[in-house]
């Protein structure tokens, strides 16, 4: 097979993976606290056996755009957003997770939970509990929670030295291999939700460009195969005559 076909196949494979990333961004354009992901590409050089270099396309990894999403005022008592680089701490069946999606609610057992039912933890690593009679809930900028004017608990809000090391394990939830740090520059906003930072129009434009690139590489590969078939046929006919 011609080396150019291998090179174009590597590009097409990378394009398919990039399309998956863009499609996921579009699907989460309305997911609170979601961070858009982007692909990182590089050239992968190898020898072709004739002392020449071939440059293949290699998708190294993805990275998140950590810019804060827009803030939407809802007025909801348990709708909270983080201004800054912090994350809420959650307890899940798979261990601790971190999120910025602040559409919270009170579960059947009285604990503060996410929309998916994961418990939100306090500074001591314990679930935050409310009694049925707790009505006037106020959440301060430092994450402190008071009920009817009495201090009750405080949200565990943490930051990370390198947020890119977080591994996304849900639409807006992350696993951390690095130890979290106490929040220094983050503020909790009550009655507000952080929207996704995805720009839908830009992502749709990117998807259109990717589709065209995929079609172009597919056409190139088809033409290259056709040329090889014709060359093989011509060679066979020449040997027979």
C-alpha atoms as a PDB file:
ATOM      1  CA  UNK A   1       0.000   0.000   0.000  1.00  0.00           C
ATOM      2  CA  UNK A   2       1.222   3.508  -0.842  1.00  0.00           C
ATOM      3  CA  UNK A   3       2.648   5.391   2.141  1.00  0.00           C
ATOM      4  CA  UNK A   4       0.354   8.343   1.452  1.00  0.00           C
ATOM      5  CA  UNK A   5      -2.650   6.116   2.152  1.00  0.00           C
ATOM      6  CA  UNK A   6      -1.274   5.178   5.578  1.00  0.00           C
ATOM      7  CA  UNK A   7      -0.674   8.851   6.339  1.00  0.00           C
ATOM      8  CA  UNK A   8      -4.217   9.818   5.327  1.00  0.00           C
ATOM      9  CA  UNK A   9      -5.653   6.934   7.342  1.00  0.00           C
ATOM     10  CA  UNK A  10      -3.865   8.258  10.435  1.00  0.00           C
ATOM     11  CA  UNK A  11      -5.370  11.679   9.769  1.00  0.00           C
ATOM     12  CA  UNK A  12      -8.837  10.242   9.278  1.00  0.00           C
ATOM     13  CA  UNK A  13      -8.622   8.272  12.523  1.00  0.00           C
ATOM     14  CA  UNK A  14      -7.650  11.443  14.402  1.00  0.00           C
ATOM     15  CA  UNK A  15     -10.513  13.331  12.745  1.00  0.00           C
ATOM     16  CA  UNK A  16     -13.032  10.697  13.877  1.00  0.00           C
ATOM     17  CA  UNK A  17     -11.785  11.035  17.463  1.00  0.00           C
ATOM     18  CA  UNK A  18     -11.984  14.809  17.237  1.00  0.00           C
ATOM     19  CA  UNK A  19     -15.565  14.509  15.984  1.00  0.00           C
ATOM     20  CA  UNK A  20     -16.410  12.459  19.083  1.00  0.00           C
ATOM     21  CA  UNK A  21     -15.014  15.231  21.297  1.00  0.00           C
ATOM     22  CA  UNK A  22     -16.922  17.973  19.454  1.00  0.00           C
ATOM     23  CA  UNK A  23     -20.130  15.912  19.496  1.00  0.00           C
ATOM     24  CA  UNK A  24     -19.793  15.482  23.262  1.00  0.00           C
ATOM     25  CA  UNK A  25     -19.332  19.240  23.670  1.00  0.00           C
ATOM     26  CA  UNK A  26     -22.478  19.927  21.642  1.00  0.00           C
ATOM     27  CA  UNK A  27     -24.446  17.337  23.645  1.00  0.00           C
ATOM     28  CA  UNK A  28     -23.448  19.096  26.888  1.00  0.00           C
ATOM     29  CA  UNK A  29     -24.025  22.675  25.769  1.00  0.00           C
ATOM     30  CA  UNK A  30     -26.853  22.900  28.337  1.00  0.00           C
ATOM     31  CA  UNK A  31     -25.153  20.919  31.125  1.00  0.00           C
ATOM     32  CA  UNK A  32     -24.502  23.117  34.154  1.00  0.00           C
ATOM     33  CA  UNK A  33     -20.804  23.378  35.019  1.00  0.00           C
ATOM     34  CA  UNK A  34     -19.633  21.449  31.943  1.00  0.00           C
ATOM     35  CA  UNK A  35     -16.198  22.337  30.515  1.00  0.00           C
ATOM     36  CA  UNK A  36     -15.584  22.009  26.788  1.00  0.00           C
ATOM     37  CA  UNK A  37     -12.805  19.667  25.675  1.00  0.00           C
ATOM     38  CA  UNK A  38     -10.332  20.106  22.819  1.00  0.00           C
ATOM     39  CA  UNK A  39      -7.925  17.732  21.037  1.00  0.00           C
ATOM     40  CA  UNK A  40      -4.142  18.040  20.983  1.00  0.00           C
ATOM     41  CA  UNK A  41      -2.389  16.915  17.780  1.00  0.00           C
ATOM     42  CA  UNK A  42       1.229  16.347  16.778  1.00  0.00           C
ATOM     43  CA  UNK A  43       3.272  14.821  13.961  1.00  0.00           C
ATOM     44  CA  UNK A  44       4.602  11.316  14.466  1.00  0.00           C
ATOM     45  CA  UNK A  45       7.753  10.797  12.376  1.00  0.00           C
ATOM     46  CA  UNK A  46       8.990   7.362  11.311  1.00  0.00           C
ATOM     47  CA  UNK A  47      11.382   6.020   8.674  1.00  0.00           C
ATOM     48  CA  UNK A  48       9.781   4.496   5.590  1.00  0.00           C
ATOM     49  CA  UNK A  49      12.644   2.032   5.071  1.00  0.00           C
ATOM     50  CA  UNK A  50      14.250   4.139   2.366  1.00  0.00           C
ATOM     51  CA  UNK A  51      15.862   6.685   4.684  1.00  0.00           C
ATOM     52  CA  UNK A  52      12.930   9.012   4.290  1.00  0.00           C
ATOM     53  CA  UNK A  53      10.697  10.394   7.010  1.00  0.00           C
ATOM     54  CA  UNK A  54       6.922   9.968   7.039  1.00  0.00           C
ATOM     55  CA  UNK A  55       4.794  12.331   9.172  1.00  0.00           C
ATOM     56  CA  UNK A  56       1.697  10.672  10.616  1.00  0.00           C
ATOM     57  CA  UNK A  57      -1.059  12.522  12.459  1.00  0.00           C
ATOM     58  CA  UNK A  58      -1.205  11.648  16.146  1.00  0.00           C
ATOM     59  CA  UNK A  59      -3.889  12.785  18.579  1.00  0.00           C
ATOM     60  CA  UNK A  60      -1.955  13.079  21.817  1.00  0.00           C
ATOM     61  CA  UNK A  61      -4.758  13.756  24.275  1.00  0.00           C
ATOM     62  CA  UNK A  62      -7.589  16.087  25.156  1.00  0.00           C
ATOM     63  CA  UNK A  63      -7.575  19.122  27.394  1.00  0.00           C
ATOM     64  CA  UNK A  64     -10.346  21.143  29.008  1.00  0.00           C
ATOM     65  CA  UNK A  65     -11.097  24.784  28.514  1.00  0.00           C
ATOM     66  CA  UNK A  66     -11.258  25.812  32.162  1.00  0.00           C
ATOM     67  CA  UNK A  67     -12.672  29.272  31.499  1.00  0.00           C
ATOM     68  CA  UNK A  68     -15.724  29.826  33.682  1.00  0.00           C
ATOM     69  CA  UNK A  69     -19.126  29.419  32.070  1.00  0.00           C
ATOM     70  CA  UNK A  70     -21.719  32.164  32.160  1.00  0.00           C
ATOM     71  CA  UNK A  71     -23.640  32.703  35.386  1.00  0.00           C
ATOM     72  CA  UNK A  72     -27.419  32.388  35.335  1.00  0.00           C
ATOM     73  CA  UNK A  73     -29.435  33.914  38.170  1.00  0.00           C
ATOM     74  CA  UNK A  74     -32.242  31.520  39.175  1.00  0.00           C
ATOM     75  CA  UNK A  75     -33.104  32.638  42.685  1.00  0.00           C
ATOM     76  CA  UNK A  76     -33.276  28.991  43.757  1.00  0.00           C
ATOM     77  CA  UNK A  77     -32.271  28.438  47.384  1.00  0.00           C
ATOM     78  CA  UNK A  78     -30.175  25.382  46.555  1.00  0.00           C
ATOM     79  CA  UNK A  79     -28.887  26.621  43.207  1.00  0.00           C
ATOM     80  CA  UNK A  80     -25.246  27.531  43.797  1.00  0.00           C
ATOM     81  CA  UNK A  81     -22.297  28.427  41.593  1.00  0.00           C
ATOM     82  CA  UNK A  82     -18.605  28.877  42.257  1.00  0.00           C
ATOM     83  CA  UNK A  83     -16.890  32.058  41.135  1.00  0.00           C
ATOM     84  CA  UNK A  84     -13.241  31.118  40.771  1.00  0.00           C
ATOM     85  CA  UNK A  85     -11.420  27.811  40.270  1.00  0.00           C
ATOM     86  CA  UNK A  86     -13.045  25.779  43.033  1.00  0.00           C
ATOM     87  CA  UNK A  87     -15.040  22.543  43.000  1.00  0.00           C
ATOM     88  CA  UNK A  88     -17.688  21.066  45.275  1.00  0.00           C
ATOM     89  CA  UNK A  89     -16.784  17.762  46.913  1.00  0.00           C
ATOM     90  CA  UNK A  90     -19.128  14.831  46.345  1.00  0.00           C
ATOM     91  CA  UNK A  91     -19.439  11.341  47.783  1.00  0.00           C
ATOM     92  CA  UNK A  92     -20.225   8.690  45.172  1.00  0.00           C
ATOM     93  CA  UNK A  93     -20.246   4.868  45.199  1.00  0.00           C
ATOM     94  CA  UNK A  94     -16.862   5.060  43.430  1.00  0.00           C
ATOM     95  CA  UNK A  95     -15.261   7.447  45.906  1.00  0.00           C
ATOM     96  CA  UNK A  96     -14.792  11.197  46.086  1.00  0.00           C
ATOM     97  CA  UNK A  97     -15.649  13.234  43.024  1.00  0.00           C
ATOM     98  CA  UNK A  98     -15.549  16.961  42.277  1.00  0.00           C
ATOM     99  CA  UNK A  99     -17.975  19.145  40.357  1.00  0.00           C
ATOM    100  CA  UNK A 100     -19.069  22.698  39.610  1.00  0.00           C
ATOM    101  CA  UNK A 101     -22.637  21.748  38.709  1.00  0.00           C
ATOM    102  CA  UNK A 102     -24.569  23.377  41.534  1.00  0.00           C
ATOM    103  CA  UNK A 103     -28.214  22.479  40.909  1.00  0.00           C
ATOM    104  CA  UNK A 104     -28.600  20.857  44.331  1.00  0.00           C
ATOM    105  CA  UNK A 105     -31.572  19.466  46.212  1.00  0.00           C
ATOM    106  CA  UNK A 106     -32.461  17.785  49.470  1.00  0.00           C
ATOM    107  CA  UNK A 107     -32.704  14.011  49.157  1.00  0.00           C
ATOM    108  CA  UNK A 108     -35.234  11.670  50.742  1.00  0.00           C
ATOM    109  CA  UNK A 109     -32.897  11.114  53.702  1.00  0.00           C
ATOM    110  CA  UNK A 110     -32.469  14.867  54.281  1.00  0.00           C
ATOM    111  CA  UNK A 111     -28.953  15.082  52.847  1.00  0.00           C
ATOM    112  CA  UNK A 112     -27.850  17.717  50.349  1.00  0.00           C
ATOM    113  CA  UNK A 113     -27.384  15.971  46.997  1.00  0.00           C
ATOM    114  CA  UNK A 114     -26.704  16.700  43.335  1.00  0.00           C
ATOM    115  CA  UNK A 115     -29.252  16.188  40.572  1.00  0.00           C
ATOM    116  CA  UNK A 116     -27.821  12.644  40.219  1.00  0.00           C
ATOM    117  CA  UNK A 117     -28.289  11.909  43.904  1.00  0.00           C
ATOM    118  CA  UNK A 118     -24.645  12.156  45.031  1.00  0.00           C
ATOM    119  CA  UNK A 119     -24.129  13.576  48.505  1.00  0.00           C
ATOM    120  CA  UNK A 120     -22.451  16.966  48.853  1.00  0.00           C
ATOM    121  CA  UNK A 121     -19.841  16.954  51.615  1.00  0.00           C
ATOM    122  CA  UNK A 122     -18.946  19.519  54.260  1.00  0.00           C
ATOM    123  CA  UNK A 123     -15.488  20.655  55.357  1.00  0.00           C
ATOM    124  CA  UNK A 124     -15.230  17.621  57.619  1.00  0.00           C
ATOM    125  CA  UNK A 125     -15.915  15.189  54.782  1.00  0.00           C
ATOM    126  CA  UNK A 126     -19.423  14.395  56.029  1.00  0.00           C
ATOM    127  CA  UNK A 127     -22.794  14.630  54.247  1.00  0.00           C
ATOM    128  CA  UNK A 128     -24.727  17.834  54.901  1.00  0.00           C
ATOM    129  CA  UNK A 129     -28.048  17.003  56.580  1.00  0.00           C
ATOM    130  CA  UNK A 130     -31.243  19.022  56.853  1.00  0.00           C
ATOM    131  CA  UNK A 131     -34.283  18.463  59.031  1.00  0.00           C
ATOM    132  CA  UNK A 132     -37.820  18.595  57.567  1.00  0.00           C
ATOM    133  CA  UNK A 133     -38.469  21.833  59.445  1.00  0.00           C
ATOM    134  CA  UNK A 134     -35.399  23.602  57.980  1.00  0.00           C
ATOM    135  CA  UNK A 135     -36.809  26.292  55.728  1.00  0.00           C
ATOM    136  CA  UNK A 136     -34.769  29.487  55.610  1.00  0.00           C
ATOM    137  CA  UNK A 137     -31.483  28.197  54.169  1.00  0.00           C
ATOM    138  CA  UNK A 138     -28.773  30.747  53.434  1.00  0.00           C
ATOM    139  CA  UNK A 139     -25.435  29.873  51.808  1.00  0.00           C
ATOM    140  CA  UNK A 140     -22.664  32.449  52.166  1.00  0.00           C
ATOM    141  CA  UNK A 141     -19.766  33.238  49.831  1.00  0.00           C
ATOM    142  CA  UNK A 142     -17.427  31.146  51.967  1.00  0.00           C
ATOM    143  CA  UNK A 143     -19.711  28.131  51.609  1.00  0.00           C
ATOM    144  CA  UNK A 144     -21.088  28.507  55.137  1.00  0.00           C
ATOM    145  CA  UNK A 145     -24.667  27.282  55.501  1.00  0.00           C
ATOM    146  CA  UNK A 146     -27.099  28.734  58.024  1.00  0.00           C
ATOM    147  CA  UNK A 147     -30.696  27.751  58.752  1.00  0.00           C
ATOM    148  CA  UNK A 148     -33.080  30.260  60.326  1.00  0.00           C
ATOM    149  CA  UNK A 149     -30.099  32.409  61.240  1.00  0.00           C
ATOM    150  CA  UNK A 150     -28.167  29.587  62.927  1.00  0.00           C
ATOM    151  CA  UNK A 151     -24.878  28.302  61.528  1.00  0.00           C
ATOM    152  CA  UNK A 152     -25.383  24.693  60.422  1.00  0.00           C
ATOM    153  CA  UNK A 153     -22.528  23.527  58.197  1.00  0.00           C
ATOM    154  CA  UNK A 154     -20.062  24.572  55.513  1.00  0.00           C
ATOM    155  CA  UNK A 155     -19.589  23.282  51.973  1.00  0.00           C
ATOM    156  CA  UNK A 156     -16.305  21.611  51.123  1.00  0.00           C
ATOM    157  CA  UNK A 157     -14.977  23.783  48.302  1.00  0.00           C
ATOM    158  CA  UNK A 158     -11.500  22.834  47.052  1.00  0.00           C
ATOM    159  CA  UNK A 159      -9.057  23.858  44.343  1.00  0.00           C
ATOM    160  CA  UNK A 160      -6.307  22.007  42.477  1.00  0.00           C
ATOM    161  CA  UNK A 161      -2.785  23.077  41.604  1.00  0.00           C
ATOM    162  CA  UNK A 162      -3.294  21.754  38.062  1.00  0.00           C
ATOM    163  CA  UNK A 163      -6.976  21.289  37.144  1.00  0.00           C
ATOM    164  CA  UNK A 164      -5.943  19.665  33.834  1.00  0.00           C
ATOM    165  CA  UNK A 165      -4.921  16.597  35.848  1.00  0.00           C
ATOM    166  CA  UNK A 166      -8.559  15.998  36.781  1.00  0.00           C
ATOM    167  CA  UNK A 167     -10.153  13.105  34.908  1.00  0.00           C
ATOM    168  CA  UNK A 168     -13.700  13.614  33.680  1.00  0.00           C
ATOM    169  CA  UNK A 169     -15.925  10.725  34.773  1.00  0.00           C
ATOM    170  CA  UNK A 170     -19.330  12.244  34.076  1.00  0.00           C
ATOM    171  CA  UNK A 171     -20.928  15.117  32.230  1.00  0.00           C
ATOM    172  CA  UNK A 172     -19.701  17.588  34.855  1.00  0.00           C
ATOM    173  CA  UNK A 173     -17.922  15.433  37.427  1.00  0.00           C
ATOM    174  CA  UNK A 174     -14.227  14.683  37.893  1.00  0.00           C
ATOM    175  CA  UNK A 175     -11.893  12.250  39.627  1.00  0.00           C
ATOM    176  CA  UNK A 176      -8.717  13.634  41.181  1.00  0.00           C
ATOM    177  CA  UNK A 177      -5.388  11.839  41.456  1.00  0.00           C
ATOM    178  CA  UNK A 178      -3.796  14.930  43.047  1.00  0.00           C
ATOM    179  CA  UNK A 179      -4.649  15.997  46.582  1.00  0.00           C
ATOM    180  CA  UNK A 180      -7.170  18.855  46.722  1.00  0.00           C
ATOM    181  CA  UNK A 181      -6.208  22.176  48.265  1.00  0.00           C
ATOM    182  CA  UNK A 182      -8.347  24.473  50.434  1.00  0.00           C
ATOM    183  CA  UNK A 183     -10.084  27.057  48.259  1.00  0.00           C
ATOM    184  CA  UNK A 184      -8.275  30.399  48.309  1.00  0.00           C
ATOM    185  CA  UNK A 185      -9.894  32.508  45.616  1.00  0.00           C
ATOM    186  CA  UNK A 186     -13.302  30.885  45.140  1.00  0.00           C
ATOM    187  CA  UNK A 187     -16.644  32.337  46.177  1.00  0.00           C
ATOM    188  CA  UNK A 188     -19.954  30.505  46.467  1.00  0.00           C
ATOM    189  CA  UNK A 189     -22.953  32.278  44.951  1.00  0.00           C
ATOM    190  CA  UNK A 190     -26.444  31.303  46.095  1.00  0.00           C
ATOM    191  CA  UNK A 191     -29.371  31.470  43.685  1.00  0.00           C
ATOM    192  CA  UNK A 192     -27.014  31.218  40.694  1.00  0.00           C
ATOM    193  CA  UNK A 193     -25.966  28.421  38.332  1.00  0.00           C
ATOM    194  CA  UNK A 194     -22.833  28.219  36.205  1.00  0.00           C
ATOM    195  CA  UNK A 195     -23.758  27.314  32.656  1.00  0.00           C
ATOM    196  CA  UNK A 196     -21.652  25.206  30.309  1.00  0.00           C
ATOM    197  CA  UNK A 197     -18.756  27.100  28.737  1.00  0.00           C
ATOM    198  CA  UNK A 198     -19.433  25.396  25.391  1.00  0.00           C
ATOM    199  CA  UNK A 199     -20.054  27.796  22.493  1.00  0.00           C
ATOM    200  CA  UNK A 200     -22.627  25.821  20.462  1.00  0.00           C
ATOM    201  CA  UNK A 201     -22.314  27.804  17.226  1.00  0.00           C
ATOM    202  CA  UNK A 202     -18.523  27.478  17.232  1.00  0.00           C
ATOM    203  CA  UNK A 203     -18.755  23.744  17.920  1.00  0.00           C
ATOM    204  CA  UNK A 204     -21.268  23.242  15.091  1.00  0.00           C
ATOM    205  CA  UNK A 205     -18.985  25.145  12.713  1.00  0.00           C
ATOM    206  CA  UNK A 206     -16.076  22.923  13.851  1.00  0.00           C
ATOM    207  CA  UNK A 207     -18.194  19.803  13.256  1.00  0.00           C
ATOM    208  CA  UNK A 208     -18.996  20.986   9.716  1.00  0.00           C
ATOM    209  CA  UNK A 209     -15.300  21.562   8.974  1.00  0.00           C
ATOM    210  CA  UNK A 210     -14.414  18.150  10.393  1.00  0.00           C
ATOM    211  CA  UNK A 211     -17.052  16.450   8.248  1.00  0.00           C
ATOM    212  CA  UNK A 212     -15.606  18.080   5.150  1.00  0.00           C
ATOM    213  CA  UNK A 213     -12.088  17.011   6.134  1.00  0.00           C
ATOM    214  CA  UNK A 214     -13.242  13.423   6.692  1.00  0.00           C
ATOM    215  CA  UNK A 215     -14.897  13.393   3.261  1.00  0.00           C
ATOM    216  CA  UNK A 216     -11.752  14.843   1.669  1.00  0.00           C
ATOM    217  CA  UNK A 217      -9.460  12.224   3.202  1.00  0.00           C
ATOM    218  CA  UNK A 218     -11.891   9.449   2.268  1.00  0.00           C
ATOM    219  CA  UNK A 219     -11.908  10.700  -1.324  1.00  0.00           C
ATOM    220  CA  UNK A 220      -8.097  10.837  -1.374  1.00  0.00           C
ATOM    221  CA  UNK A 221      -7.853   7.258  -0.099  1.00  0.00           C
ATOM    222  CA  UNK A 222     -10.407   6.105  -2.674  1.00  0.00           C
ATOM    223  CA  UNK A 223      -8.461   7.768  -5.498  1.00  0.00           C
ATOM    224  CA  UNK A 224      -5.167   6.309  -4.222  1.00  0.00           C
ATOM    225  CA  UNK A 225      -6.629   2.786  -4.132  1.00  0.00           C
ATOM    226  CA  UNK A 226      -8.014   3.269  -7.643  1.00  0.00           C
ATOM    227  CA  UNK A 227      -4.610   4.348  -8.947  1.00  0.00           C
ATOM    228  CA  UNK A 228      -2.982   1.317  -7.315  1.00  0.00           C
ATOM    229  CA  UNK A 229      -5.525  -1.022  -8.909  1.00  0.00           C
ATOM    230  CA  UNK A 230      -4.927   0.534 -12.324  1.00  0.00           C
ATOM    231  CA  UNK A 231      -1.161   0.353 -11.875  1.00  0.00           C
ATOM    232  CA  UNK A 232      -1.372  -3.320 -10.857  1.00  0.00           C
ATOM    233  CA  UNK A 233      -3.621  -4.104 -13.808  1.00  0.00           C
ATOM    234  CA  UNK A 234      -1.308  -2.306 -16.245  1.00  0.00           C
ATOM    235  CA  UNK A 235       1.712  -4.132 -14.788  1.00  0.00           C
ATOM    236  CA  UNK A 236      -0.019  -7.515 -15.140  1.00  0.00           C
ATOM    237  CA  UNK A 237      -1.019  -6.808 -18.742  1.00  0.00           C
ATOM    238  CA  UNK A 238       2.525  -5.673 -19.594  1.00  0.00           C
ATOM    239  CA  UNK A 239       3.983  -8.920 -18.246  1.00  0.00           C
ATOM    240  CA  UNK A 240       1.506 -11.017 -20.217  1.00  0.00           C
ATOM    241  CA  UNK A 241       2.360  -9.356 -23.524  1.00  0.00           C
END
